[in-house]
Amino acid sequence: MTSIRFNPLKIPESGLPGEKVPAEGGVLTKVPWSSWGYYLEQRPSFTFDPLFHAGVYYVQEASSMLLEQALRQTTDLPRPLRVLDLCAAPGGKSTLLQSLLSPDSLLVSNEVIRTRVNVSTQSTQTANPKSLR
């Protein structure tokens, strides 16, 4: 089953941009342990969706979204934190961390496999370019 996680940093105050985002994914069903995660009825072609390319949502396995609950239950997210993601590609954990950490936090995303660095960099830049240093 395909799941996506919306980027709260790119969602307008009016809420999600519609019930069928991405357009060909069908009805969205909430992932219970994620504030912004949803299952899709069917897997659309993400390469044709401008919202995907704009960083409005990220395609991520629902099980990877458990990181949100682990952090919420063990850390004080409003306070500035220093976080190190040692296996950052393709960028799912780092983009999730970007959406959870306070603006004063520091996230270092590292990828040791050179061929995967560009994918990770592109994901984090698309999700929240203001947070990059």
Protein backbone atom coordinates (compact mmCIF):
# COMPACT_ATOMS: atom_id res chain seq x y z
CA MET A 1 0.00 0.00 0.00
CA THR A 2 1.36 3.43 -0.92
CA SER A 3 1.53 6.14 1.71
CA ILE A 4 2.45 9.81 1.64
CA ARG A 5 3.28 12.39 4.28
CA PHE A 6 2.20 15.98 3.78
CA ASN A 7 4.68 18.72 4.56
CA PRO A 8 3.08 21.01 7.18
CA LEU A 9 5.55 23.73 6.16
CA LYS A 10 3.93 23.85 2.71
CA ILE A 11 0.25 23.41 3.61
CA PRO A 12 -1.79 26.63 3.50
CA GLU A 13 -3.70 27.71 6.62
CA SER A 14 -6.91 26.67 4.83
CA GLY A 15 -5.77 23.05 5.12
CA LEU A 16 -4.96 20.27 2.68
CA PRO A 17 -5.38 21.18 -1.00
CA GLY A 18 -8.24 18.72 -1.51
CA GLU A 19 -9.55 15.28 -0.66
CA LYS A 20 -7.81 13.65 -3.61
CA VAL A 21 -4.18 14.66 -3.36
CA PRO A 22 -2.37 13.41 -5.33
CA ALA A 23 -5.10 13.65 -7.95
CA GLU A 24 -4.90 10.04 -9.15
CA GLY A 25 -4.36 8.49 -5.72
CA GLY A 26 -8.03 8.23 -4.81
CA VAL A 27 -9.40 8.84 -1.33
CA LEU A 28 -6.91 9.47 1.47
CA THR A 29 -6.99 7.37 4.64
CA LYS A 30 -5.17 8.67 7.73
CA VAL A 31 -2.06 6.86 9.03
CA PRO A 32 -2.94 6.57 12.75
CA TRP A 33 0.54 7.31 14.16
CA SER A 34 1.34 10.27 11.92
CA SER A 35 0.01 13.83 12.08
CA TRP A 36 0.43 14.27 8.33
CA GLY A 37 0.56 10.71 6.91
CA TYR A 38 -2.06 9.18 4.62
CA TYR A 39 -2.56 5.93 2.73
CA LEU A 40 -3.58 6.11 -0.93
CA GLU A 41 -6.15 3.82 -2.55
CA GLN A 42 -3.87 3.41 -5.56
CA ARG A 43 -0.37 4.44 -6.52
CA PRO A 44 -0.45 7.37 -8.96
CA SER A 45 2.38 8.50 -11.22
CA PHE A 46 4.06 10.99 -8.87
CA THR A 47 6.36 12.29 -11.59
CA PHE A 48 3.43 14.15 -13.19
CA ASP A 49 2.21 15.83 -9.99
CA PRO A 50 3.41 19.43 -9.48
CA LEU A 51 2.52 19.24 -5.76
CA PHE A 52 5.02 16.38 -5.35
CA HIS A 53 7.76 18.39 -7.08
CA ALA A 54 6.92 21.46 -4.96
CA GLY A 55 7.45 19.49 -1.74
CA VAL A 56 3.82 19.60 -0.61
CA TYR A 57 4.02 15.88 0.14
CA TYR A 58 6.65 13.14 0.29
CA VAL A 59 6.15 9.49 -0.66
CA GLN A 60 7.11 7.53 2.46
CA GLU A 61 6.32 4.13 3.94
CA ALA A 62 3.90 4.47 6.83
CA SER A 63 6.24 2.49 9.08
CA SER A 64 8.95 5.16 8.60
CA MET A 65 6.52 7.74 9.97
CA LEU A 66 6.79 6.08 13.40
CA LEU A 67 9.80 8.32 13.97
CA GLU A 68 7.37 11.15 14.70
CA GLN A 69 5.82 9.30 17.65
CA ALA A 70 9.22 8.24 18.97
CA LEU A 71 10.35 11.86 19.05
CA ARG A 72 7.10 13.25 20.46
CA GLN A 73 7.21 10.75 23.33
CA THR A 74 10.91 11.10 24.19
CA THR A 75 11.96 14.69 23.44
CA ASP A 76 10.87 18.25 24.05
CA LEU A 77 10.35 19.28 20.41
CA PRO A 78 9.66 23.00 21.03
CA ARG A 79 13.14 23.45 22.50
CA PRO A 80 16.19 23.75 20.22
CA LEU A 81 17.72 20.35 19.49
CA ARG A 82 20.77 19.07 17.62
CA VAL A 83 19.87 16.08 15.46
CA LEU A 84 22.12 13.94 13.29
CA ASP A 85 20.70 11.77 10.48
CA LEU A 86 23.61 9.52 9.50
CA CYS A 87 21.84 7.67 6.67
CA ALA A 88 19.93 10.55 5.12
CA ALA A 89 19.11 9.32 1.60
CA PRO A 90 16.61 9.39 0.08
CA GLY A 91 15.47 12.10 2.51
CA GLY A 92 12.32 10.84 4.23
CA LYS A 93 13.64 10.96 7.80
CA SER A 94 15.31 14.33 7.27
CA THR A 95 12.20 15.93 5.78
CA LEU A 96 10.12 14.49 8.61
CA LEU A 97 12.60 15.87 11.14
CA GLN A 98 12.52 19.28 9.41
CA SER A 99 8.77 19.43 9.92
CA LEU A 100 8.98 18.52 13.62
CA LEU A 101 12.00 20.46 14.90
CA SER A 102 11.87 24.03 16.16
CA PRO A 103 13.34 26.75 13.91
CA ASP A 104 16.28 27.10 16.33
CA SER A 105 17.20 23.41 16.05
CA LEU A 106 20.09 22.07 14.01
CA LEU A 107 19.62 19.08 11.72
CA VAL A 108 22.70 17.58 10.08
CA SER A 109 21.81 15.16 7.28
CA ASN A 110 24.68 12.96 6.17
CA GLU A 111 24.83 10.29 3.50
CA VAL A 112 27.99 8.20 3.09
CA ILE A 113 27.09 6.77 -0.33
CA ARG A 114 28.03 9.51 -2.81
CA THR A 115 25.55 8.43 -5.47
CA ARG A 116 22.68 9.00 -3.00
CA VAL A 117 23.74 12.45 -1.75
CA ASN A 118 21.98 14.40 -4.53
CA VAL A 119 18.66 12.65 -3.86
CA SER A 120 18.84 13.51 -0.16
CA THR A 121 19.87 17.11 -0.84
CA GLN A 122 17.08 17.61 -3.34
CA SER A 123 14.46 16.22 -0.92
CA THR A 124 15.48 18.48 1.96
CA GLN A 125 15.81 21.56 -0.27
CA THR A 126 12.35 21.01 -1.72
CA ALA A 127 10.77 20.40 1.69
CA ASN A 128 12.15 23.49 3.44
CA PRO A 129 14.88 25.51 1.74
CA LYS A 130 14.83 28.14 4.52
CA SER A 131 16.19 25.63 7.02
CA LEU A 132 19.36 24.87 5.05
CA ARG A 133 22.68 26.33 6.14
